Protein backbone atom coordinates (compact mmCIF):
# COMPACT_ATOMS: atom_id res chain seq x y z
CA MET A 1 82.80 78.36 88.09
CA LEU A 2 80.15 80.65 89.45
CA LEU A 3 78.34 79.53 92.57
CA ALA A 4 75.24 81.44 93.57
CA LEU A 5 74.32 81.45 97.26
CA ALA A 6 70.78 82.24 98.30
CA ALA A 7 71.51 85.57 99.88
CA GLY A 8 68.40 85.69 102.03
CA VAL A 9 68.22 89.41 101.36
CA GLN A 10 65.70 91.49 103.24
CA GLY A 11 64.84 95.14 102.79
CA GLN A 12 65.52 97.73 105.48
CA ASN A 13 64.84 101.45 105.59
CA ALA A 14 68.11 103.23 104.98
CA PRO A 15 69.84 105.57 107.46
CA PHE A 16 71.17 107.35 104.36
CA ASN A 17 71.67 106.87 100.65
CA VAL A 18 74.43 107.86 98.27
CA HIS A 19 74.44 108.73 94.62
CA LEU A 20 77.27 109.44 92.21
CA GLU A 21 77.56 112.25 89.70
CA PRO A 22 80.33 111.95 87.08
CA MET A 23 82.63 114.84 86.22
CA GLU A 24 85.87 115.24 84.28
CA ILE A 25 88.83 117.57 84.49
CA ALA A 26 90.62 118.19 81.20
CA GLY A 27 94.15 116.84 81.10
CA LEU A 28 93.90 114.81 84.29
CA PRO A 29 95.36 111.35 83.58
CA GLY A 30 94.21 108.05 84.96
CA LEU A 31 95.85 106.99 88.21
CA GLN A 32 95.46 103.94 90.40
CA ALA A 33 96.99 102.82 93.72
CA TYR A 34 98.20 106.37 94.42
CA ALA A 35 98.50 108.49 97.58
CA VAL A 36 96.57 111.69 98.18
CA GLY A 37 96.63 114.69 100.50
CA GLN A 38 94.55 117.84 100.42
CA HIS A 39 94.60 121.47 101.52
CA ASP A 40 92.27 124.41 100.99
CA GLY A 41 90.14 122.66 98.39
CA LYS A 42 93.03 121.28 96.34
CA TRP A 43 94.41 117.73 96.20
CA LEU A 44 97.99 116.53 95.88
CA LEU A 45 98.24 113.18 94.05
CA ILE A 46 101.46 111.19 94.38
CA GLY A 47 102.70 107.90 92.95
CA GLY A 48 100.64 104.96 91.76
CA ARG A 49 100.30 103.60 88.23
CA ILE A 50 99.10 105.10 84.97
CA ASP A 51 98.16 101.68 83.52
CA GLY A 52 95.51 99.15 84.48
CA LEU A 53 95.60 95.81 86.28
CA HIS A 54 99.12 94.46 86.44
CA ARG A 55 99.90 91.85 83.83
CA ARG A 56 100.81 88.29 84.79
CA GLN A 57 104.04 88.04 82.75
CA PRO A 58 107.09 88.99 84.85
CA PHE A 59 108.63 91.05 82.03
CA ALA A 60 105.44 93.11 81.67
CA SER A 61 104.08 93.29 85.22
CA PHE A 62 104.68 96.58 87.04
CA ASP A 63 106.93 97.75 84.22
CA PRO A 64 108.74 101.08 84.72
CA ALA A 65 106.78 102.73 81.89
CA GLY A 66 103.57 102.41 83.91
CA ARG A 67 104.86 104.34 86.92
CA ASN A 68 103.47 107.76 87.72
CA THR A 69 106.49 110.05 87.77
CA ARG A 70 104.60 113.32 88.12
CA LEU A 71 102.98 115.16 91.02
CA TYR A 72 99.45 116.37 90.33
CA VAL A 73 97.46 119.13 91.97
CA VAL A 74 93.71 119.05 91.38
CA ASP A 75 91.07 121.68 92.14
CA PRO A 76 87.78 119.77 91.74
CA VAL A 77 85.61 122.86 92.18
CA ALA A 78 87.39 124.99 89.60
CA GLY A 79 87.97 121.97 87.36
CA GLN A 80 91.71 122.65 87.05
CA GLN A 81 94.84 120.56 87.35
CA TRP A 82 98.57 121.27 87.47
CA SER A 83 101.53 118.91 87.45
CA ALA A 84 105.29 118.74 87.85
CA SER A 85 107.86 116.05 87.17
CA THR A 86 109.56 114.37 90.12
CA SER A 87 112.85 114.37 88.17
CA THR A 88 114.15 117.40 90.09
CA LEU A 89 113.98 115.49 93.38
CA PRO A 90 116.84 113.40 94.82
CA LEU A 91 116.88 109.88 93.36
CA ALA A 92 115.71 108.16 96.55
CA LEU A 93 112.64 110.39 96.60
CA GLN A 94 112.02 109.95 92.87
CA GLU A 95 111.96 106.17 93.22
CA GLN A 96 109.65 105.94 96.21
CA LEU A 97 107.28 108.61 94.93
CA ALA A 98 106.84 106.62 91.70
CA SER A 99 105.91 103.43 93.56
CA THR A 100 102.53 101.77 93.85
CA ASN A 101 100.52 100.89 96.95
CA MET A 102 102.32 103.17 99.34
CA GLN A 103 100.74 103.42 102.75
CA PHE A 104 99.81 107.03 103.52
CA TYR A 105 98.15 109.21 106.14
CA GLN A 106 97.64 112.98 106.37
CA ASP A 107 98.10 114.57 109.78
CA GLY A 108 97.31 118.27 109.56
CA PRO A 109 99.42 119.85 106.82
CA ARG A 110 101.75 116.84 106.54
CA LEU A 111 101.23 113.76 104.42
CA TYR A 112 103.26 110.75 105.50
CA LEU A 113 104.16 108.15 102.87
CA VAL A 114 105.48 104.73 103.85
CA GLY A 115 107.05 102.04 101.66
CA GLY A 116 105.52 101.13 98.31
CA TYR A 117 106.53 98.72 95.52
CA GLY A 118 108.14 99.47 92.19
CA PHE A 119 111.19 99.38 90.00
CA SER A 120 114.40 100.81 91.46
CA ALA A 121 117.15 101.87 89.08
CA VAL A 122 119.56 101.87 92.02
CA SER A 123 118.83 98.19 92.74
CA ASN A 124 118.10 97.34 89.09
CA ASP A 125 115.14 95.34 90.35
CA HIS A 126 111.64 95.63 91.69
CA VAL A 127 111.76 96.35 95.43
CA THR A 128 109.65 97.34 98.38
CA PHE A 129 110.94 100.71 99.52
CA GLU A 130 112.01 101.27 103.11
CA GLN A 131 111.46 105.02 103.33
CA LEU A 132 109.15 107.26 105.31
CA THR A 133 108.57 110.52 103.45
CA ALA A 134 106.96 113.59 104.97
CA VAL A 135 105.29 115.99 102.54
CA ASP A 136 104.36 119.57 103.35
CA VAL A 137 101.06 119.49 101.48
CA PRO A 138 100.25 123.25 101.42
CA GLY A 139 103.80 124.11 100.40
CA ALA A 140 104.00 121.45 97.68
CA ILE A 141 100.61 122.42 96.25
CA ASP A 142 101.47 126.11 96.12
CA ALA A 143 104.84 125.42 94.50
CA ILE A 144 103.41 123.13 91.82
CA VAL A 145 100.60 125.56 90.98
CA HIS A 146 103.10 128.41 90.61
CA GLN A 147 105.75 126.25 88.87
CA ALA A 148 108.24 126.94 91.64
CA PRO A 149 110.88 124.59 93.16
CA PHE A 150 109.34 122.10 95.60
CA THR A 151 112.20 119.89 96.84
CA SER A 152 112.21 121.57 100.25
CA PHE A 153 108.67 120.32 100.90
CA PHE A 154 109.77 116.66 100.87
CA ARG A 155 111.82 115.05 103.66
CA GLN A 156 112.75 111.38 103.81
CA ILE A 157 114.28 108.88 106.22
CA SER A 158 114.99 105.15 105.86
CA ASP A 159 113.87 102.45 108.29
CA LEU A 160 113.45 98.73 107.59
CA GLN A 161 110.22 98.75 109.61
CA PHE A 162 108.70 100.76 106.74
CA GLU A 163 109.64 98.21 104.06
CA VAL A 164 105.98 97.42 103.42
CA THR A 165 103.55 97.64 100.51
CA GLY A 166 99.83 96.93 100.31
CA GLY A 167 99.18 97.58 104.00
CA ARG A 168 97.30 100.53 105.41
CA LEU A 169 98.56 103.42 107.53
CA ALA A 170 96.23 104.95 110.11
CA LYS A 171 96.37 106.77 113.42
CA ILE A 172 94.65 106.23 116.76
CA TYR A 173 95.14 109.27 118.96
CA ASP A 174 98.94 109.91 119.00
CA THR A 175 100.04 106.55 117.62
CA TYR A 176 100.42 105.44 114.00
CA TYR A 177 99.36 101.95 112.98
CA LEU A 178 100.89 100.26 109.93
CA VAL A 179 98.46 97.38 109.51
CA GLY A 180 99.25 94.28 107.44
CA GLY A 181 100.91 94.45 104.05
CA GLN A 182 103.94 92.65 102.71
CA LYS A 183 107.55 92.91 101.58
CA PHE A 184 107.85 91.95 97.92
CA GLU A 185 111.22 91.80 96.17
CA GLY A 186 111.65 90.98 92.49
CA PRO A 187 109.29 90.88 89.50
CA TYR A 188 105.78 89.59 90.05
CA ASN A 189 105.07 86.05 88.80
CA PRO A 190 101.68 84.39 89.42
CA MET A 191 103.30 80.95 89.14
CA GLY A 192 105.14 81.49 92.40
CA PRO A 193 108.53 82.54 93.78
CA THR A 194 110.49 79.62 92.31
CA HIS A 195 109.37 80.16 88.70
CA GLY A 196 110.98 82.40 86.12
CA PRO A 197 113.16 85.12 87.62
CA GLY A 198 111.76 84.38 91.08
CA PHE A 199 110.78 86.74 93.88
CA VAL A 200 110.62 87.04 97.65
CA GLN A 201 107.26 87.65 99.32
CA GLN A 202 106.89 88.07 103.06
CA TYR A 203 103.68 89.20 104.73
CA THR A 204 104.31 91.28 107.84
CA ASP A 205 101.52 89.50 109.79
CA GLN A 206 101.74 92.56 112.02
CA ILE A 207 100.41 95.80 113.29
CA ARG A 208 103.50 97.99 113.48
CA ARG A 209 103.01 100.89 115.85
CA PHE A 210 105.09 104.03 116.09
CA ARG A 211 105.02 107.71 116.96
CA ILE A 212 106.42 110.59 114.91
CA GLN A 213 108.04 113.74 116.24
CA ASP A 214 108.15 116.26 113.43
CA ASP A 215 109.05 119.91 113.89
CA GLY A 216 108.96 120.57 110.16
CA THR A 217 112.69 120.04 109.84
CA THR A 218 113.63 116.85 111.64
CA LEU A 219 111.75 113.55 111.59
CA VAL A 220 112.13 111.29 114.63
CA VAL A 221 110.31 107.95 114.75
CA SER A 222 109.82 106.03 118.00
CA HIS A 223 108.76 102.42 117.47
CA LEU A 224 106.44 100.66 119.89
CA PRO A 225 106.19 96.86 120.22
CA ALA A 226 104.56 95.34 117.15
CA ILE A 227 101.52 93.08 117.38
CA THR A 228 101.99 89.83 115.45
CA ASP A 229 99.30 87.32 114.43
CA GLY A 230 99.98 85.05 111.46
CA ASP A 231 96.30 84.15 111.17
CA GLN A 232 94.33 87.37 111.67
CA LEU A 233 96.86 89.90 110.34
CA HIS A 234 98.06 87.98 107.26
CA ARG A 235 96.43 90.51 104.91
CA ARG A 236 97.23 93.00 102.17
CA ASP A 237 95.58 95.14 99.48
CA TYR A 238 92.49 95.77 101.54
CA ASN A 239 90.57 98.34 103.54
CA VAL A 240 91.44 99.52 107.04
CA VAL A 241 88.88 102.16 107.97
CA PRO A 242 88.76 104.56 110.97
CA GLN A 243 85.91 103.85 113.35
CA ILE A 244 84.21 105.09 116.48
CA MET A 245 84.10 101.99 118.65
CA PRO A 246 81.12 100.95 120.84
CA ASP A 247 82.81 102.48 123.91
CA GLY A 248 83.11 105.83 122.12
CA GLN A 249 86.86 105.55 121.58
CA GLU A 250 88.68 105.91 118.29
CA GLY A 251 89.64 102.70 116.53
CA LEU A 252 90.07 100.92 113.22
CA THR A 253 88.52 97.95 111.48
CA ALA A 254 90.47 95.84 108.99
CA PHE A 255 87.99 94.51 106.43
CA SER A 256 88.71 91.37 104.40
CA GLY A 257 92.02 91.35 102.50
CA VAL A 258 94.05 88.71 100.68
CA PHE A 259 95.19 85.97 100.69
CA GLN A 260 94.16 83.29 103.14
CA LYS A 261 97.14 81.19 104.23
CA THR A 262 95.70 77.92 102.91
CA VAL A 263 93.88 79.07 99.77
CA ASP A 264 94.19 82.00 97.32
CA LEU A 265 90.89 83.58 98.33
CA PRO A 266 90.05 86.69 100.34
CA TYR A 267 89.40 86.66 104.05
CA LEU A 268 85.73 87.12 104.85
CA ASN A 269 86.09 88.25 108.46
CA ALA A 270 87.02 91.62 109.95
CA VAL A 271 89.39 92.61 112.75
CA HIS A 272 88.80 95.49 115.18
CA ILE A 273 91.82 97.48 116.38
CA ASP A 274 92.00 100.04 119.17
CA SER A 275 94.60 101.48 121.51
CA SER A 276 94.35 98.42 123.79
CA GLY A 277 94.85 95.75 121.12
CA TYR A 278 92.87 93.91 118.46
CA ALA A 279 90.19 91.24 118.14
CA PRO A 280 88.32 89.52 115.29
CA ALA A 281 84.77 90.77 114.85
CA PRO A 282 82.55 87.96 116.16
CA GLY A 283 79.72 86.52 114.10
CA PHE A 284 80.33 88.56 110.95
CA ASN A 285 81.51 87.85 107.41
CA GLN A 286 81.93 90.42 104.63
CA TYR A 287 80.96 89.10 101.21
CA TYR A 288 81.24 92.28 99.12
CA ASN A 289 84.20 94.62 98.41
CA HIS A 290 87.21 92.54 99.42
CA TYR A 291 90.10 94.46 97.86
CA HIS A 292 91.10 98.05 98.48
CA CYS A 293 88.42 100.44 97.25
CA PRO A 294 87.03 103.87 98.23
CA THR A 295 85.45 103.89 101.69
CA LEU A 296 83.33 106.36 103.64
CA PRO A 297 82.95 105.96 107.45
CA LEU A 298 80.01 107.59 109.28
CA PHE A 299 78.88 107.35 112.90
CA SER A 300 75.50 108.17 114.39
CA THR A 301 75.73 109.11 118.07
CA ALA A 302 71.95 109.06 118.43
CA ASN A 303 71.70 105.48 117.20
CA GLN A 304 75.14 104.35 118.32
CA ALA A 305 75.63 102.94 114.82
CA MET A 306 78.91 102.85 112.90
CA HIS A 307 78.44 102.70 109.12
CA THR A 308 81.21 102.02 106.59
CA VAL A 309 80.40 102.40 102.88
CA PHE A 310 82.43 100.52 100.24
CA PHE A 311 82.45 101.53 96.58
CA GLY A 312 83.05 98.77 94.01
CA GLY A 313 86.43 97.15 93.60
CA ILE A 314 87.16 93.42 93.55
CA ALA A 315 85.39 90.68 95.51
CA GLN A 316 84.73 86.96 95.68
CA TYR A 317 80.97 87.61 95.74
CA TYR A 318 78.48 89.87 94.02
CA ASP A 319 74.71 90.14 93.86
CA SER A 320 72.73 89.07 90.79
CA LEU A 321 68.97 89.66 90.97
CA GLY A 322 68.89 89.00 94.69
CA ILE A 323 71.21 85.98 94.55
CA LEU A 324 74.66 86.16 96.12
CA VAL A 325 77.04 84.77 93.49
CA GLN A 326 80.31 83.18 94.57
CA ASP A 327 83.07 83.48 91.99
CA ASN A 328 86.39 82.08 93.16
CA ASN A 329 88.17 83.90 90.33
CA VAL A 330 87.52 86.99 92.50
CA PRO A 331 86.22 89.38 89.83
CA PHE A 332 85.84 93.12 89.49
CA VAL A 333 82.45 94.21 90.85
CA ARG A 334 80.11 97.19 90.78
CA THR A 335 78.70 96.69 94.28
CA ILE A 336 78.23 99.60 96.67
CA ALA A 337 77.62 98.19 100.12
CA ARG A 338 77.66 99.27 103.72
CA VAL A 339 78.68 97.43 106.86
CA THR A 340 76.92 98.60 110.00
CA ARG A 341 78.02 97.90 113.57
CA LEU A 342 75.47 98.50 116.33
CA ALA A 343 76.02 99.46 119.98
CA ASP A 344 76.11 95.80 121.04
CA GLY A 345 78.96 95.15 118.60
CA SER A 346 76.88 93.13 116.14
CA MET A 347 77.65 93.75 112.48
CA SER A 348 75.65 93.29 109.27
CA GLU A 349 76.30 93.87 105.59
CA TYR A 350 73.84 95.61 103.25
CA LYS A 351 73.77 95.98 99.51
CA MET A 352 72.85 99.55 98.68
CA PRO A 353 70.40 100.31 95.84
CA VAL A 354 72.99 102.12 93.72
CA GLU A 355 75.99 100.58 91.97
CA MET A 356 79.17 101.88 90.44
CA PRO A 357 78.45 102.91 86.82
CA ALA A 358 80.95 100.33 85.57
CA LEU A 359 83.52 97.87 86.92
CA LEU A 360 85.30 100.57 88.91
CA GLY A 361 86.64 101.25 92.39
CA ALA A 362 89.64 98.94 92.69
CA SER A 363 92.69 100.93 93.89
CA ALA A 364 90.69 104.20 93.82
CA GLU A 365 90.31 106.61 96.73
CA PHE A 366 87.44 108.44 98.38
CA ILE A 367 88.55 112.04 98.99
CA PRO A 368 86.25 113.69 101.55
CA ALA A 369 84.89 117.16 100.99
CA GLU A 370 86.56 119.64 103.29
CA GLY A 371 84.48 121.05 106.11
CA LEU A 372 82.40 117.96 106.86
CA PRO A 373 81.66 117.55 110.58
CA ALA A 374 83.95 114.73 111.66
CA TRP A 375 85.84 113.25 114.57
CA PRO A 376 89.62 113.81 114.62
CA ASN A 377 90.19 110.44 112.93
CA GLY A 378 88.03 111.43 109.95
CA VAL A 379 84.83 109.54 110.78
CA VAL A 380 81.93 111.69 109.60
CA GLN A 381 79.40 112.78 112.23
CA LEU A 382 76.24 111.55 110.56
CA ASP A 383 73.83 113.26 112.97
CA GLU A 384 75.35 116.66 112.22
CA LEU A 385 74.74 116.46 108.48
CA PRO A 386 71.76 118.31 107.01
CA ALA A 387 68.77 116.32 105.82
CA ASP A 388 69.13 117.60 102.27
CA SER A 389 71.53 116.08 99.78
CA LEU A 390 75.12 116.91 100.70
CA LEU A 391 78.39 116.61 98.78
CA ALA A 392 80.30 114.14 100.94
CA GLY A 393 83.36 113.89 98.73
CA TYR A 394 84.80 112.52 95.52
CA ILE A 395 85.98 109.22 94.07
CA PHE A 396 88.93 109.47 91.72
CA GLY A 397 90.89 107.02 89.63
CA GLY A 398 91.44 103.33 90.23
CA ILE A 399 91.28 100.47 87.73
CA ALA A 400 88.54 100.46 85.10
CA SER A 401 88.01 96.91 83.84
CA THR A 402 86.20 95.84 80.67
CA ALA A 403 85.07 92.51 82.18
CA ARG A 404 84.70 90.83 85.54
CA ASN A 405 87.56 88.37 85.12
CA ILE A 406 90.50 89.55 83.04
CA PHE A 407 93.63 88.44 84.87
CA TRP A 408 94.49 85.29 82.91
CA VAL A 409 93.76 86.95 79.55
CA ASN A 410 95.29 90.29 80.44
CA THR A 411 97.45 91.71 77.65
CA GLY A 412 97.35 95.23 79.04
CA THR A 413 94.32 96.34 77.02
CA GLN A 414 91.53 94.84 79.15
CA SER A 415 91.76 97.57 81.79
CA THR A 416 93.05 101.09 82.27
CA ALA A 417 93.85 103.52 85.04
CA ASP A 418 90.68 105.56 85.23
CA HIS A 419 90.78 109.35 84.82
CA ARG A 420 87.18 109.98 85.79
CA LEU A 421 85.94 111.75 88.88
CA PHE A 422 82.66 111.15 90.67
CA LYS A 423 81.00 113.48 93.11
CA VAL A 424 79.51 111.45 95.97
CA TYR A 425 76.31 112.89 97.43
CA LEU A 426 74.73 111.66 100.64
CA THR A 427 71.09 112.01 101.68
CA LYS A 428 69.97 111.14 105.22
CA ASN A 429 66.91 109.30 106.48
CA THR A 430 65.51 108.42 103.10
CA THR A 431 62.76 105.83 102.68
CA ILE A 432 62.75 105.93 98.89
CA ASN A 433 65.17 103.04 98.51
CA THR A 434 65.76 100.22 100.95
CA HIS A 435 69.08 98.54 101.63
CA GLN A 436 69.14 94.77 101.27
CA ILE A 437 70.68 92.97 104.23
CA ASN A 438 72.88 90.05 103.29
CA THR A 439 71.78 87.50 105.88
CA GLN A 440 74.80 85.35 105.08
CA SER A 441 76.94 88.08 106.65
CA THR A 442 75.50 87.32 110.08
CA GLY A 443 75.02 83.56 109.64
CA THR A 444 77.17 80.97 111.38
CA LEU A 445 77.34 78.27 108.69
CA ARG A 446 79.63 80.30 106.37
CA LEU A 447 78.88 77.89 103.56
CA GLN A 448 81.30 77.85 100.62
CA VAL A 449 81.66 75.60 97.60
CA PHE A 450 84.94 74.42 96.11
CA PRO A 451 86.96 73.67 94.03
CA ASN A 452 86.77 76.03 91.12
CA PRO A 453 85.84 74.92 88.48
CA ASN A 454 83.36 72.23 89.57
CA ASN A 455 83.08 69.19 87.32
CA GLY A 456 80.43 67.44 89.38
CA ILE A 457 82.49 66.71 92.47
CA LEU A 458 80.77 68.90 95.03
CA GLY A 459 82.98 70.21 97.83
CA LEU A 460 81.30 71.98 100.71
CA ARG A 461 83.11 73.86 103.46
CA PHE A 462 81.09 75.09 106.42
CA HIS A 463 81.39 76.09 110.05
CA LEU A 464 79.61 74.79 113.14
CA THR A 465 79.46 76.72 116.39
CA LYS A 466 78.67 73.45 118.18
CA VAL A 467 78.50 69.76 117.31
CA THR A 468 75.12 68.98 115.76
CA PRO A 469 73.69 66.85 112.96
CA VAL A 470 73.49 68.70 109.64
CA GLN A 471 70.88 68.02 106.99
CA LEU A 472 72.23 68.01 103.45
CA ARG A 473 69.96 68.13 100.44
CA VAL A 474 70.92 68.63 96.81
CA VAL A 475 68.23 69.14 94.16
CA ASP A 476 68.39 69.83 90.46
CA LYS A 477 66.78 72.79 88.71
CA ALA A 478 63.49 70.92 88.40
CA GLY A 479 63.41 70.26 92.14
CA LYS A 480 64.28 66.57 91.93
CA THR A 481 66.30 65.35 94.90
CA VAL A 482 69.79 64.18 93.92
CA ILE A 483 71.34 63.80 97.39
CA GLU A 484 69.64 63.73 100.79
CA GLU A 485 71.39 62.67 103.97
CA THR A 486 72.10 63.56 107.57
CA LEU A 487 75.73 64.44 108.20
CA LEU A 488 77.03 63.00 111.47
CA GLY A 489 80.43 62.85 113.13
CA LEU A 490 81.14 66.50 112.45
CA ARG A 491 83.14 68.76 114.72
CA GLN A 492 82.89 72.22 116.16
CA GLY A 493 84.62 74.66 113.84
CA GLU A 494 85.36 74.14 110.14
CA ASN A 495 84.12 71.01 108.37
CA THR A 496 84.66 69.85 104.79
CA ILE A 497 82.75 67.21 102.82
CA ASN A 498 82.86 66.02 99.22
CA ARG A 499 80.01 64.48 97.25
CA GLN A 500 79.79 63.25 93.64
CA LEU A 501 76.85 64.49 91.61
CA SER A 502 75.56 61.71 89.36
CA ASN A 503 74.42 62.03 85.76
CA ILE A 504 75.68 65.58 85.49
CA ALA A 505 75.33 67.73 82.41
CA ILE A 506 77.68 70.58 81.61
CA GLY A 507 75.84 73.80 82.38
CA ALA A 508 73.33 72.02 84.64
CA THR A 509 72.20 73.78 87.81
CA TYR A 510 71.93 72.25 91.27
CA PHE A 511 70.97 73.66 94.65
CA ALA A 512 72.78 72.39 97.76
CA THR A 513 71.21 73.18 101.13
CA LEU A 514 72.68 72.73 104.60
CA GLU A 515 70.35 73.07 107.56
CA ILE A 516 70.90 73.12 111.31
CA PRO A 517 68.39 74.14 114.01
CA GLY A 518 67.55 77.78 113.38
CA GLU A 519 69.67 78.29 110.26
CA ARG A 520 69.75 77.24 106.63
CA ALA A 521 72.12 78.10 103.79
CA THR A 522 71.65 77.30 100.10
CA VAL A 523 74.19 77.28 97.30
CA LYS A 524 73.37 77.32 93.60
CA VAL A 525 75.97 75.22 91.79
CA ILE A 526 76.60 75.54 88.04
CA VAL A 527 78.61 72.63 86.66
CA GLN A 528 81.18 73.54 84.04
CA GLU A 529 84.12 71.79 82.43
């Protein structure tokens, strides 16, 4: 069932715009959910998958044949690539470096890889790896280019605190933050852990903090107390993006993620993280770009505005001719959007005027161009960029899908690991194209429709900041009123109501509106079998 919310979009002059220019490098394979480091204009690509969206059958999902067992070096300027097999590495390194959804972070010349999920020949099962691997990026790149031995550029230790996949690894000043993610043991099965061969799934519900002492030979990890929150940190396969916070300090924001504890849908809210703790972002919901996708963070000191750009991926919502469409099947999308946080902490979401050229972005990475003016945490200094068009970086790989919703029909041919590259150009202070603000992102009602599909029983879930009567009106496509009533006896916080639509016709369209003083939200409901 597709449910279209009136997005209430409004145009706004853009602080910048982006555009994508495709390019290809001969011989470079498709990769998704990989790790990347870079040095002197070259990239080092590690791990991930060489196939598309994982299949739903346990015997076929995350099969060993789809692992990436090679290390790739890419020079995007020269258009060259080199590769080497990981088979010369010790077995423990081979297995982790062929896993998917490792957490990774580059600190100077060293790329740190944590965890990851994949098949282990040692365990004869699918596991979440417990290793931290340090990679000497310049050394590994040079060795692969010159076809020389490279084992010495990889060092590995084991620690159960790193037994995580689908989280994100970041750094605030001298401390590493392993945010969210899960431990997954056994073959994937969408029917749940007690069906078929069975599996174990345990979300960390944590921010795991640690420091690394690394002299190039010995790795020493010092763990700090973890932060645990089973509600706000129960997230995986999402975006955690470096930020400059309103007080000028470095921080992070965790955007969306899956799955909510009570329903298999993405989170809509965001969580701010800094060196003093964490807090949910008040008064904001993100409707676009819910799964992990390429991101680009920029901060304007002059305007005290933090912008985060999201490129495609997978989301519960997408825009269709100015209407925000809710699809609880959580499809692949083409949306490029930005979330902007102002000096007062308020946040808004904007749909940008350009889209991905196809259903791309899921499990891809944005690789910044070297030499951009940036803070130590990688946030680009927007005010320091020239007014002319500038190469900000590249998007590589990810899942390329042939249709929005493919999971339940996925035989392995409906998607692929994408081999294409896109140059990402940024132009400042342009008035040619406006960005459309999604007013639902700052609204308080947070109106959603369920279940999915809808057979005429209309379920509405909404939020009230205070107890107040709510006006409900449902009309058909011709404007005829079907339901009109005042909802009383509601409570502060989340409310749920159910109503039966009478005389429904399959494919018929209805519009449900909730209104409180100062705010209104409308949902377009399409009834299907």
